[in-house]
Amino acid sequence: MPAPLPVPAWHAKRSLKVKPKVNPNLRMNPNLRILKFVVAVLGLILFVADRILKYYFYKNPALVLGGDFFYNLLSFHFVRNFGIAFGLPFFGPILIVLIFLILLFLIGLLVNQIKSDDLLLYAATFIIIIGASSNLIDRLRYGFVIDYIDLTWFTVFNLADCMITIGVFLFLIQSISKKPRTFDKSIKPS
């Protein structure tokens, strides 16, 4: 049997290349990545819709839509909200500082959730950030938040308030669904 041919130097170096090890904790399911992208796009669409509606009602403060064909239960009109979500009273620069601190905490949480497999927590965090940012823009620009959805039996609010409420609701669902399991070692199976 003839002796094997020597391997050229350029081929030997190429074959010695080792693929870098990827931390398995940093891998994300491609479907989950797509779902997170969809959540981000939908959140940004809601943000833009809220900003457009706020601008529209700010420029047309006397306009009232609805009322008659909703049995006077729902109407749309301009309302200045100097308080927090759903008109709850809380005023002053302390509120702006508190909103900034909450937003910074949520942004840090969102950064940690980008590579995580928890879609529900990611969605909740993202839509709360979007809703709070929209209301914060109003508060910094006008000194109040523009509300435009009037439920006569409840209060006046806006789409950003809805996003914040849905985000908090998703947080609650996530916290209820992920209860830590504890095992009592004193109980032995029979």
N, C-alpha and C. Protein backbone atom coordinates (compact mmCIF):
# COMPACT_ATOMS: atom_id res chain seq x y z
N MET A 1 0.84 -1.16 0.00
CA MET A 1 0.00 0.00 0.00
C MET A 1 0.89 1.24 0.00
N PRO A 2 0.57 2.20 -0.86
CA PRO A 2 1.43 3.39 -0.91
C PRO A 2 1.24 4.26 0.33
N ALA A 3 2.25 5.06 0.65
CA ALA A 3 2.19 5.97 1.81
C ALA A 3 1.22 7.11 1.51
N PRO A 4 0.52 7.59 2.52
CA PRO A 4 -0.42 8.70 2.30
C PRO A 4 0.35 9.96 1.89
N LEU A 5 -0.30 10.74 1.05
CA LEU A 5 0.30 11.99 0.60
C LEU A 5 0.31 13.00 1.74
N PRO A 6 1.34 13.83 1.79
CA PRO A 6 1.38 14.84 2.86
C PRO A 6 0.28 15.90 2.63
N VAL A 7 -0.27 16.40 3.75
CA VAL A 7 -1.32 17.42 3.69
C VAL A 7 -0.67 18.77 3.50
N PRO A 8 -1.12 19.54 2.50
CA PRO A 8 -0.53 20.88 2.32
C PRO A 8 -0.72 21.73 3.58
N ALA A 9 0.22 22.66 3.78
CA ALA A 9 0.21 23.49 4.98
C ALA A 9 -1.06 24.33 5.08
N TRP A 10 -1.53 24.88 3.96
CA TRP A 10 -2.72 25.73 4.00
C TRP A 10 -3.96 24.92 4.40
N HIS A 11 -4.02 23.65 4.02
CA HIS A 11 -5.15 22.80 4.36
C HIS A 11 -5.10 22.40 5.84
N ALA A 12 -3.89 22.15 6.34
CA ALA A 12 -3.75 21.74 7.74
C ALA A 12 -4.21 22.87 8.67
N LYS A 13 -3.85 24.11 8.34
CA LYS A 13 -4.26 25.24 9.17
C LYS A 13 -5.78 25.42 9.13
N ARG A 14 -6.37 25.25 7.97
CA ARG A 14 -7.81 25.42 7.84
C ARG A 14 -8.56 24.37 8.64
N SER A 15 -8.08 23.16 8.64
CA SER A 15 -8.78 22.08 9.34
C SER A 15 -8.63 22.18 10.85
N LEU A 16 -7.66 22.97 11.33
CA LEU A 16 -7.46 23.11 12.76
C LEU A 16 -8.37 24.16 13.39
N LYS A 17 -9.08 24.90 12.55
CA LYS A 17 -9.98 25.91 13.09
C LYS A 17 -11.06 25.25 13.92
N VAL A 18 -11.29 25.82 15.06
CA VAL A 18 -12.30 25.29 15.97
C VAL A 18 -13.47 26.28 16.01
N LYS A 19 -14.67 25.76 15.90
CA LYS A 19 -15.84 26.63 15.99
C LYS A 19 -15.94 27.17 17.40
N PRO A 20 -16.21 28.48 17.52
CA PRO A 20 -16.33 29.04 18.87
C PRO A 20 -17.55 28.45 19.57
N LYS A 21 -17.38 28.23 20.85
CA LYS A 21 -18.49 27.68 21.62
C LYS A 21 -19.48 28.80 21.90
N VAL A 22 -20.75 28.49 21.70
CA VAL A 22 -21.82 29.46 21.95
C VAL A 22 -22.49 29.07 23.25
N ASN A 23 -22.65 30.07 24.10
CA ASN A 23 -23.32 29.82 25.36
C ASN A 23 -24.76 29.41 25.08
N PRO A 24 -25.19 28.22 25.51
CA PRO A 24 -26.56 27.79 25.21
C PRO A 24 -27.62 28.68 25.85
N ASN A 25 -27.24 29.45 26.88
CA ASN A 25 -28.20 30.35 27.50
C ASN A 25 -28.51 31.55 26.62
N LEU A 26 -27.63 31.84 25.66
CA LEU A 26 -27.84 32.99 24.79
C LEU A 26 -28.59 32.63 23.52
N ARG A 27 -28.83 31.36 23.28
CA ARG A 27 -29.58 30.95 22.10
C ARG A 27 -31.06 31.20 22.33
N MET A 28 -31.73 31.59 21.26
CA MET A 28 -33.16 31.82 21.36
C MET A 28 -33.86 31.08 20.23
N ASN A 29 -34.98 30.52 20.54
CA ASN A 29 -35.80 29.86 19.55
C ASN A 29 -36.15 30.87 18.45
N PRO A 30 -35.95 30.53 17.17
CA PRO A 30 -36.25 31.48 16.09
C PRO A 30 -37.71 31.91 16.08
N ASN A 31 -38.62 31.01 16.43
CA ASN A 31 -40.04 31.38 16.48
C ASN A 31 -40.29 32.40 17.59
N LEU A 32 -39.61 32.25 18.71
CA LEU A 32 -39.76 33.19 19.81
C LEU A 32 -39.20 34.56 19.41
N ARG A 33 -38.11 34.55 18.68
CA ARG A 33 -37.53 35.80 18.19
C ARG A 33 -38.53 36.53 17.29
N ILE A 34 -39.22 35.79 16.44
CA ILE A 34 -40.22 36.39 15.55
C ILE A 34 -41.38 36.94 16.38
N LEU A 35 -41.84 36.18 17.37
CA LEU A 35 -42.94 36.65 18.22
C LEU A 35 -42.55 37.91 18.99
N LYS A 36 -41.33 37.98 19.47
CA LYS A 36 -40.88 39.18 20.17
C LYS A 36 -40.82 40.37 19.21
N PHE A 37 -40.41 40.11 17.99
CA PHE A 37 -40.40 41.17 16.98
C PHE A 37 -41.83 41.66 16.71
N VAL A 38 -42.78 40.73 16.60
CA VAL A 38 -44.18 41.09 16.37
C VAL A 38 -44.71 41.92 17.54
N VAL A 39 -44.38 41.53 18.77
CA VAL A 39 -44.81 42.29 19.94
C VAL A 39 -44.25 43.71 19.88
N ALA A 40 -42.98 43.84 19.51
CA ALA A 40 -42.36 45.16 19.41
C ALA A 40 -43.02 46.01 18.34
N VAL A 41 -43.30 45.42 17.18
CA VAL A 41 -43.94 46.17 16.10
C VAL A 41 -45.35 46.60 16.50
N LEU A 42 -46.12 45.68 17.08
CA LEU A 42 -47.47 46.03 17.53
C LEU A 42 -47.43 47.12 18.61
N GLY A 43 -46.48 47.02 19.53
CA GLY A 43 -46.33 48.04 20.55
C GLY A 43 -46.02 49.40 19.95
N LEU A 44 -45.14 49.43 18.96
CA LEU A 44 -44.81 50.70 18.31
C LEU A 44 -45.98 51.25 17.51
N ILE A 45 -46.77 50.36 16.89
CA ILE A 45 -47.97 50.81 16.18
C ILE A 45 -48.96 51.44 17.16
N LEU A 46 -49.15 50.81 18.32
CA LEU A 46 -50.04 51.38 19.33
C LEU A 46 -49.51 52.72 19.85
N PHE A 47 -48.19 52.82 20.01
CA PHE A 47 -47.59 54.08 20.44
C PHE A 47 -47.87 55.19 19.42
N VAL A 48 -47.66 54.90 18.15
CA VAL A 48 -47.89 55.90 17.11
C VAL A 48 -49.38 56.26 17.05
N ALA A 49 -50.26 55.27 17.15
CA ALA A 49 -51.70 55.54 17.14
C ALA A 49 -52.09 56.44 18.31
N ASP A 50 -51.54 56.16 19.49
CA ASP A 50 -51.84 56.99 20.66
C ASP A 50 -51.34 58.41 20.46
N ARG A 51 -50.15 58.57 19.92
CA ARG A 51 -49.61 59.91 19.69
C ARG A 51 -50.45 60.67 18.67
N ILE A 52 -50.89 59.98 17.61
CA ILE A 52 -51.72 60.64 16.59
C ILE A 52 -53.06 61.07 17.18
N LEU A 53 -53.69 60.18 17.93
CA LEU A 53 -54.97 60.53 18.55
C LEU A 53 -54.83 61.67 19.56
N LYS A 54 -53.77 61.67 20.33
CA LYS A 54 -53.54 62.77 21.28
C LYS A 54 -53.35 64.09 20.54
N TYR A 55 -52.59 64.07 19.48
CA TYR A 55 -52.36 65.28 18.69
C TYR A 55 -53.68 65.77 18.09
N TYR A 56 -54.46 64.83 17.55
CA TYR A 56 -55.74 65.18 16.92
C TYR A 56 -56.69 65.84 17.93
N PHE A 57 -56.84 65.25 19.09
CA PHE A 57 -57.75 65.81 20.08
C PHE A 57 -57.19 67.08 20.73
N TYR A 58 -55.88 67.21 20.79
CA TYR A 58 -55.28 68.45 21.31
C TYR A 58 -55.54 69.61 20.34
N LYS A 59 -55.45 69.32 19.05
CA LYS A 59 -55.69 70.37 18.04
C LYS A 59 -57.19 70.66 17.84
N ASN A 60 -58.04 69.72 18.22
CA ASN A 60 -59.50 69.89 18.09
C ASN A 60 -60.17 69.67 19.45
N PRO A 61 -59.94 70.57 20.41
CA PRO A 61 -60.42 70.31 21.77
C PRO A 61 -61.94 70.33 21.91
N ALA A 62 -62.65 70.99 21.03
CA ALA A 62 -64.11 71.08 21.16
C ALA A 62 -64.81 69.88 20.52
N LEU A 63 -64.09 69.06 19.79
CA LEU A 63 -64.67 67.93 19.08
C LEU A 63 -65.09 66.83 20.05
N VAL A 64 -66.32 66.32 19.88
CA VAL A 64 -66.81 65.19 20.66
C VAL A 64 -67.33 64.16 19.68
N LEU A 65 -66.79 62.97 19.74
CA LEU A 65 -67.22 61.88 18.86
C LEU A 65 -67.93 60.83 19.70
N GLY A 66 -68.94 60.20 19.11
CA GLY A 66 -69.64 59.12 19.81
C GLY A 66 -70.81 59.67 20.59
N GLY A 67 -71.11 59.03 21.69
CA GLY A 67 -72.20 59.48 22.54
C GLY A 67 -73.53 58.99 22.07
N ASP A 68 -74.04 59.53 20.95
CA ASP A 68 -75.38 59.19 20.47
C ASP A 68 -75.51 57.73 20.06
N PHE A 69 -74.59 57.23 19.27
CA PHE A 69 -74.74 55.87 18.78
C PHE A 69 -74.14 54.82 19.71
N PHE A 70 -73.62 55.23 20.86
CA PHE A 70 -73.14 54.29 21.87
C PHE A 70 -73.99 54.38 23.14
N TYR A 71 -75.22 54.84 23.00
CA TYR A 71 -76.15 54.97 24.14
C TYR A 71 -75.55 55.82 25.25
N ASN A 72 -74.80 56.82 24.87
CA ASN A 72 -74.15 57.74 25.80
C ASN A 72 -73.22 57.04 26.81
N LEU A 73 -72.71 55.89 26.47
CA LEU A 73 -71.78 55.18 27.34
C LEU A 73 -70.32 55.46 26.98
N LEU A 74 -70.07 55.77 25.71
CA LEU A 74 -68.70 55.96 25.24
C LEU A 74 -68.65 57.17 24.32
N SER A 75 -67.71 58.05 24.58
CA SER A 75 -67.47 59.16 23.67
C SER A 75 -65.98 59.46 23.64
N PHE A 76 -65.58 60.22 22.67
CA PHE A 76 -64.18 60.58 22.49
C PHE A 76 -64.08 62.10 22.47
N HIS A 77 -63.32 62.66 23.40
CA HIS A 77 -63.11 64.10 23.44
C HIS A 77 -61.86 64.42 24.26
N PHE A 78 -61.41 65.64 24.14
CA PHE A 78 -60.17 66.10 24.77
C PHE A 78 -60.39 66.39 26.26
N VAL A 79 -59.52 65.80 27.11
CA VAL A 79 -59.54 66.07 28.54
C VAL A 79 -58.10 66.20 29.01
N ARG A 80 -57.84 67.21 29.85
CA ARG A 80 -56.51 67.39 30.44
C ARG A 80 -56.46 66.59 31.75
N ASN A 81 -55.50 65.70 31.83
CA ASN A 81 -55.34 64.88 33.03
C ASN A 81 -54.05 65.28 33.72
N PHE A 82 -54.19 65.95 34.86
CA PHE A 82 -53.01 66.37 35.61
C PHE A 82 -52.56 65.30 36.60
N GLY A 83 -53.34 64.26 36.77
CA GLY A 83 -53.01 63.17 37.69
C GLY A 83 -52.27 62.06 36.98
N ILE A 84 -52.43 60.83 37.50
CA ILE A 84 -51.78 59.68 36.89
C ILE A 84 -52.85 58.88 36.14
N ALA A 85 -52.59 57.63 35.86
CA ALA A 85 -53.46 56.80 35.03
C ALA A 85 -54.91 56.85 35.52
N PHE A 86 -55.82 56.94 34.57
CA PHE A 86 -57.25 56.97 34.80
C PHE A 86 -57.68 58.12 35.71
N GLY A 87 -56.92 59.22 35.70
CA GLY A 87 -57.31 60.42 36.42
C GLY A 87 -57.05 60.39 37.92
N LEU A 88 -56.33 59.42 38.42
CA LEU A 88 -56.03 59.38 39.85
C LEU A 88 -55.14 60.56 40.21
N PRO A 89 -55.44 61.28 41.28
CA PRO A 89 -54.68 62.50 41.61
C PRO A 89 -53.28 62.21 42.15
N PHE A 90 -52.28 62.78 41.49
CA PHE A 90 -50.89 62.73 41.94
C PHE A 90 -50.17 63.75 41.08
N PHE A 91 -49.61 64.79 41.70
CA PHE A 91 -49.10 65.92 40.94
C PHE A 91 -47.61 66.17 41.21
N GLY A 92 -47.06 67.10 40.45
CA GLY A 92 -45.77 67.68 40.73
C GLY A 92 -44.57 66.99 40.12
N PRO A 93 -43.40 67.58 40.39
CA PRO A 93 -42.15 67.04 39.85
C PRO A 93 -41.80 65.67 40.43
N ILE A 94 -42.32 65.36 41.60
CA ILE A 94 -42.07 64.03 42.17
C ILE A 94 -42.61 62.95 41.25
N LEU A 95 -43.75 63.23 40.63
CA LEU A 95 -44.35 62.27 39.71
C LEU A 95 -43.44 62.02 38.51
N ILE A 96 -42.85 63.07 37.96
CA ILE A 96 -41.97 62.90 36.79
C ILE A 96 -40.72 62.10 37.17
N VAL A 97 -40.15 62.39 38.34
CA VAL A 97 -38.98 61.63 38.81
C VAL A 97 -39.36 60.17 39.03
N LEU A 98 -40.52 59.94 39.63
CA LEU A 98 -40.98 58.57 39.87
C LEU A 98 -41.20 57.82 38.56
N ILE A 99 -41.78 58.49 37.58
CA ILE A 99 -41.99 57.85 36.26
C ILE A 99 -40.65 57.51 35.61
N PHE A 100 -39.68 58.43 35.69
CA PHE A 100 -38.35 58.15 35.13
C PHE A 100 -37.70 56.94 35.79
N LEU A 101 -37.79 56.87 37.11
CA LEU A 101 -37.18 55.74 37.83
C LEU A 101 -37.85 54.42 37.45
N ILE A 102 -39.17 54.44 37.36
CA ILE A 102 -39.89 53.23 36.96
C ILE A 102 -39.51 52.83 35.54
N LEU A 103 -39.43 53.82 34.64
CA LEU A 103 -39.04 53.52 33.26
C LEU A 103 -37.62 52.95 33.18
N LEU A 104 -36.70 53.50 33.95
CA LEU A 104 -35.33 52.96 33.95
C LEU A 104 -35.31 51.52 34.45
N PHE A 105 -36.06 51.23 35.49
CA PHE A 105 -36.14 49.86 35.99
C PHE A 105 -36.71 48.93 34.93
N LEU A 106 -37.79 49.38 34.27
CA LEU A 106 -38.43 48.54 33.25
C LEU A 106 -37.53 48.34 32.03
N ILE A 107 -36.78 49.36 31.66
CA ILE A 107 -35.86 49.21 30.52
C ILE A 107 -34.77 48.20 30.88
N GLY A 108 -34.27 48.25 32.10
CA GLY A 108 -33.30 47.24 32.53
C GLY A 108 -33.89 45.84 32.51
N LEU A 109 -35.13 45.72 32.94
CA LEU A 109 -35.82 44.43 32.91
C LEU A 109 -36.01 43.96 31.47
N LEU A 110 -36.35 44.89 30.57
CA LEU A 110 -36.54 44.53 29.17
C LEU A 110 -35.25 44.06 28.53
N VAL A 111 -34.14 44.71 28.85
CA VAL A 111 -32.85 44.30 28.30
C VAL A 111 -32.53 42.87 28.73
N ASN A 112 -32.85 42.53 29.98
CA ASN A 112 -32.63 41.15 30.44
C ASN A 112 -33.60 40.18 29.78
N GLN A 113 -34.76 40.63 29.37
CA GLN A 113 -35.77 39.75 28.78
C GLN A 113 -35.55 39.52 27.29
N ILE A 114 -34.70 40.28 26.65
CA ILE A 114 -34.51 40.14 25.21
C ILE A 114 -34.03 38.74 24.85
N LYS A 115 -33.09 38.19 25.61
CA LYS A 115 -32.56 36.85 25.32
C LYS A 115 -33.30 35.74 26.07
N SER A 116 -34.28 36.10 26.86
CA SER A 116 -34.99 35.11 27.67
C SER A 116 -36.08 34.42 26.85
N ASP A 117 -36.58 33.32 27.37
CA ASP A 117 -37.66 32.58 26.71
C ASP A 117 -39.03 33.00 27.21
N ASP A 118 -39.11 33.99 28.07
CA ASP A 118 -40.38 34.40 28.66
C ASP A 118 -41.03 35.50 27.82
N LEU A 119 -41.87 35.09 26.88
CA LEU A 119 -42.52 36.03 25.98
C LEU A 119 -43.52 36.91 26.72
N LEU A 120 -44.22 36.36 27.68
CA LEU A 120 -45.24 37.10 28.41
C LEU A 120 -44.63 38.27 29.20
N LEU A 121 -43.52 38.02 29.89
CA LEU A 121 -42.87 39.09 30.63
C LEU A 121 -42.28 40.12 29.69
N TYR A 122 -41.73 39.68 28.56
CA TYR A 122 -41.20 40.61 27.56
C TYR A 122 -42.31 41.52 27.03
N ALA A 123 -43.46 40.92 26.66
CA ALA A 123 -44.58 41.71 26.13
C ALA A 123 -45.10 42.69 27.18
N ALA A 124 -45.25 42.22 28.41
CA ALA A 124 -45.74 43.09 29.48
C ALA A 124 -44.81 44.28 29.68
N THR A 125 -43.53 44.00 29.77
CA THR A 125 -42.55 45.07 30.01
C THR A 125 -42.53 46.05 28.85
N PHE A 126 -42.56 45.53 27.63
CA PHE A 126 -42.47 46.40 26.45
C PHE A 126 -43.67 47.32 26.35
N ILE A 127 -44.88 46.80 26.53
CA ILE A 127 -46.04 47.68 26.36
C ILE A 127 -46.21 48.65 27.52
N ILE A 128 -45.74 48.30 28.71
CA ILE A 128 -45.76 49.28 29.80
C ILE A 128 -44.79 50.42 29.49
N ILE A 129 -43.61 50.08 28.99
CA ILE A 129 -42.63 51.12 28.64
C ILE A 129 -43.19 52.04 27.56
N ILE A 130 -43.82 51.46 26.54
CA ILE A 130 -44.37 52.26 25.45
C ILE A 130 -45.49 53.18 25.96
N GLY A 131 -46.41 52.63 26.76
CA GLY A 131 -47.51 53.44 27.28
C GLY A 131 -47.03 54.54 28.22
N ALA A 132 -46.12 54.19 29.12
CA ALA A 132 -45.61 55.19 30.06
C ALA A 132 -44.81 56.27 29.34
N SER A 133 -44.09 55.89 28.29
CA SER A 133 -43.32 56.87 27.52
C SER A 133 -44.23 57.86 26.81
N SER A 134 -45.34 57.36 26.26
CA SER A 134 -46.28 58.25 25.59
C SER A 134 -46.88 59.26 26.56
N ASN A 135 -47.27 58.79 27.74
CA ASN A 135 -47.82 59.71 28.74
C ASN A 135 -46.75 60.66 29.27
N LEU A 136 -45.52 60.19 29.40
CA LEU A 136 -44.43 61.04 29.88
C LEU A 136 -44.13 62.15 28.87
N ILE A 137 -44.21 61.84 27.59
CA ILE A 137 -44.01 62.87 26.56
C ILE A 137 -45.03 63.99 26.74
N ASP A 138 -46.30 63.62 26.96
CA ASP A 138 -47.33 64.64 27.20
C ASP A 138 -47.03 65.46 28.44
N ARG A 139 -46.66 64.77 29.50
CA ARG A 139 -46.44 65.46 30.77
C ARG A 139 -45.28 66.45 30.65
N LEU A 140 -44.22 66.07 29.94
CA LEU A 140 -43.08 66.97 29.76
C LEU A 140 -43.40 68.09 28.77
N ARG A 141 -44.18 67.80 27.76
CA ARG A 141 -44.47 68.79 26.72
C ARG A 141 -45.56 69.77 27.12
N TYR A 142 -46.65 69.27 27.72
CA TYR A 142 -47.80 70.12 28.00
C TYR A 142 -48.02 70.37 29.49
N GLY A 143 -47.44 69.56 30.35
CA GLY A 143 -47.69 69.69 31.78
C GLY A 143 -48.86 68.85 32.24
N PHE A 144 -49.48 68.13 31.35
CA PHE A 144 -50.59 67.24 31.65
C PHE A 144 -50.61 66.13 30.60
N VAL A 145 -51.41 65.10 30.84
CA VAL A 145 -51.57 64.01 29.89
C VAL A 145 -52.89 64.21 29.16
N ILE A 146 -52.87 63.99 27.86
CA ILE A 146 -54.07 64.13 27.04
C ILE A 146 -54.85 62.82 27.09
N ASP A 147 -56.07 62.90 27.60
CA ASP A 147 -56.98 61.76 27.60
C ASP A 147 -58.10 62.03 26.61
N TYR A 148 -58.64 60.98 26.01
CA TYR A 148 -59.65 61.18 24.97
C TYR A 148 -60.72 60.10 24.91
N ILE A 149 -60.59 59.00 25.63
CA ILE A 149 -61.61 57.96 25.64
C ILE A 149 -62.43 58.14 26.91
N ASP A 150 -63.72 58.44 26.76
CA ASP A 150 -64.57 58.74 27.90
C ASP A 150 -65.64 57.66 28.06
N LEU A 151 -65.47 56.84 29.10
CA LEU A 151 -66.52 55.90 29.49
C LEU A 151 -67.30 56.61 30.59
N THR A 152 -68.54 56.97 30.30
CA THR A 152 -69.30 57.80 31.24
C THR A 152 -69.48 57.12 32.59
N TRP A 153 -69.49 55.81 32.63
CA TRP A 153 -69.67 55.09 33.89
C TRP A 153 -68.35 54.82 34.61
N PHE A 154 -67.20 55.20 34.00
CA PHE A 154 -65.91 54.92 34.60
C PHE A 154 -65.07 56.18 34.71
N THR A 155 -64.30 56.51 33.71
CA THR A 155 -63.43 57.68 33.72
C THR A 155 -62.98 57.98 32.29
N VAL A 156 -62.14 58.98 32.15
CA VAL A 156 -61.56 59.34 30.86
C VAL A 156 -60.11 58.86 30.87
N PHE A 157 -59.68 58.23 29.78
CA PHE A 157 -58.34 57.68 29.70
C PHE A 157 -57.88 57.72 28.26
N ASN A 158 -56.71 57.14 27.98
CA ASN A 158 -56.19 57.12 26.62
C ASN A 158 -55.64 55.73 26.30
N LEU A 159 -55.16 55.55 25.09
CA LEU A 159 -54.63 54.26 24.66
C LEU A 159 -53.38 53.87 25.46
N ALA A 160 -52.58 54.85 25.84
CA ALA A 160 -51.38 54.56 26.63
C ALA A 160 -51.77 53.99 28.00
N ASP A 161 -52.83 54.53 28.61
CA ASP A 161 -53.31 53.97 29.87
C ASP A 161 -53.75 52.52 29.69
N CYS A 162 -54.38 52.22 28.55
CA CYS A 162 -54.79 50.84 28.27
C CYS A 162 -53.57 49.94 28.15
N MET A 163 -52.52 50.43 27.48
CA MET A 163 -51.30 49.62 27.33
C MET A 163 -50.66 49.34 28.70
N ILE A 164 -50.61 50.35 29.55
CA ILE A 164 -50.04 50.17 30.88
C ILE A 164 -50.87 49.15 31.68
N THR A 165 -52.18 49.27 31.61
CA THR A 165 -53.06 48.36 32.34
C THR A 165 -52.92 46.92 31.84
N ILE A 166 -52.89 46.75 30.53
CA ILE A 166 -52.71 45.40 29.96
C ILE A 166 -51.35 44.83 30.34
N GLY A 167 -50.31 45.68 30.33
CA GLY A 167 -48.99 45.22 30.74
C GLY A 167 -48.95 44.76 32.18
N VAL A 168 -49.58 45.51 33.07
CA VAL A 168 -49.64 45.12 34.48
C VAL A 168 -50.43 43.82 34.62
N PHE A 169 -51.52 43.69 33.87
CA PHE A 169 -52.32 42.46 33.90
C PHE A 169 -51.47 41.26 33.43
N LEU A 170 -50.67 41.45 32.38
CA LEU A 170 -49.79 40.37 31.91
C LEU A 170 -48.73 40.02 32.96
N PHE A 171 -48.21 41.04 33.67
CA PHE A 171 -47.29 40.77 34.77
C PHE A 171 -47.95 39.89 35.83
N LEU A 172 -49.20 40.21 36.16
CA LEU A 172 -49.91 39.41 37.17
C LEU A 172 -50.12 37.98 36.70
N ILE A 173 -50.50 37.82 35.44
CA ILE A 173 -50.68 36.47 34.89
C ILE A 173 -49.36 35.71 34.95
N GLN A 174 -48.27 36.36 34.59
CA GLN A 174 -46.96 35.72 34.58
C GLN A 174 -46.55 35.34 36.00
N SER A 175 -46.82 36.19 36.96
CA SER A 175 -46.41 35.88 38.33
C SER A 175 -47.27 34.77 38.93
N ILE A 176 -48.53 34.70 38.56
CA ILE A 176 -49.40 33.64 39.06
C ILE A 176 -49.05 32.30 38.41
N SER A 177 -48.73 32.33 37.12
CA SER A 177 -48.47 31.08 36.41
C SER A 177 -47.10 30.49 36.73
N LYS A 178 -46.21 31.25 37.30
CA LYS A 178 -44.86 30.75 37.60
C LYS A 178 -44.62 30.69 39.10
N LYS A 179 -45.49 29.99 39.80
CA LYS A 179 -45.31 29.83 41.23
C LYS A 179 -44.15 28.88 41.49
N PRO A 180 -43.29 29.21 42.44
CA PRO A 180 -42.20 28.27 42.75
C PRO A 180 -42.77 27.01 43.39
N ARG A 181 -42.22 25.89 42.99
CA ARG A 181 -42.67 24.62 43.54
C ARG A 181 -41.81 24.27 44.74
N THR A 182 -42.47 23.96 45.82
CA THR A 182 -41.74 23.55 47.02
C THR A 182 -42.09 22.10 47.31
N PHE A 183 -41.11 21.40 47.78
CA PHE A 183 -41.30 19.99 48.10
C PHE A 183 -41.06 19.79 49.59
N ASP A 184 -41.98 19.10 50.23
CA ASP A 184 -41.86 18.80 51.64
C ASP A 184 -41.17 17.44 51.77
N LYS A 185 -39.97 17.44 52.30
CA LYS A 185 -39.19 16.20 52.40
C LYS A 185 -39.71 15.27 53.48
N SER A 186 -40.53 15.82 54.37
CA SER A 186 -41.02 14.96 55.45
C SER A 186 -42.11 14.00 54.97
N ILE A 187 -42.75 14.33 53.84
CA ILE A 187 -43.78 13.46 53.30
C ILE A 187 -43.13 12.47 52.36
N LYS A 188 -43.29 11.21 52.65
CA LYS A 188 -42.70 10.17 51.81
C LYS A 188 -43.80 9.54 50.97
N PRO A 189 -43.51 9.26 49.70
CA PRO A 189 -44.54 8.63 48.86
C PRO A 189 -44.84 7.23 49.37
N SER A 190 -46.09 6.83 49.27
CA SER A 190 -46.48 5.50 49.74
C SER A 190 -46.40 4.45 48.65
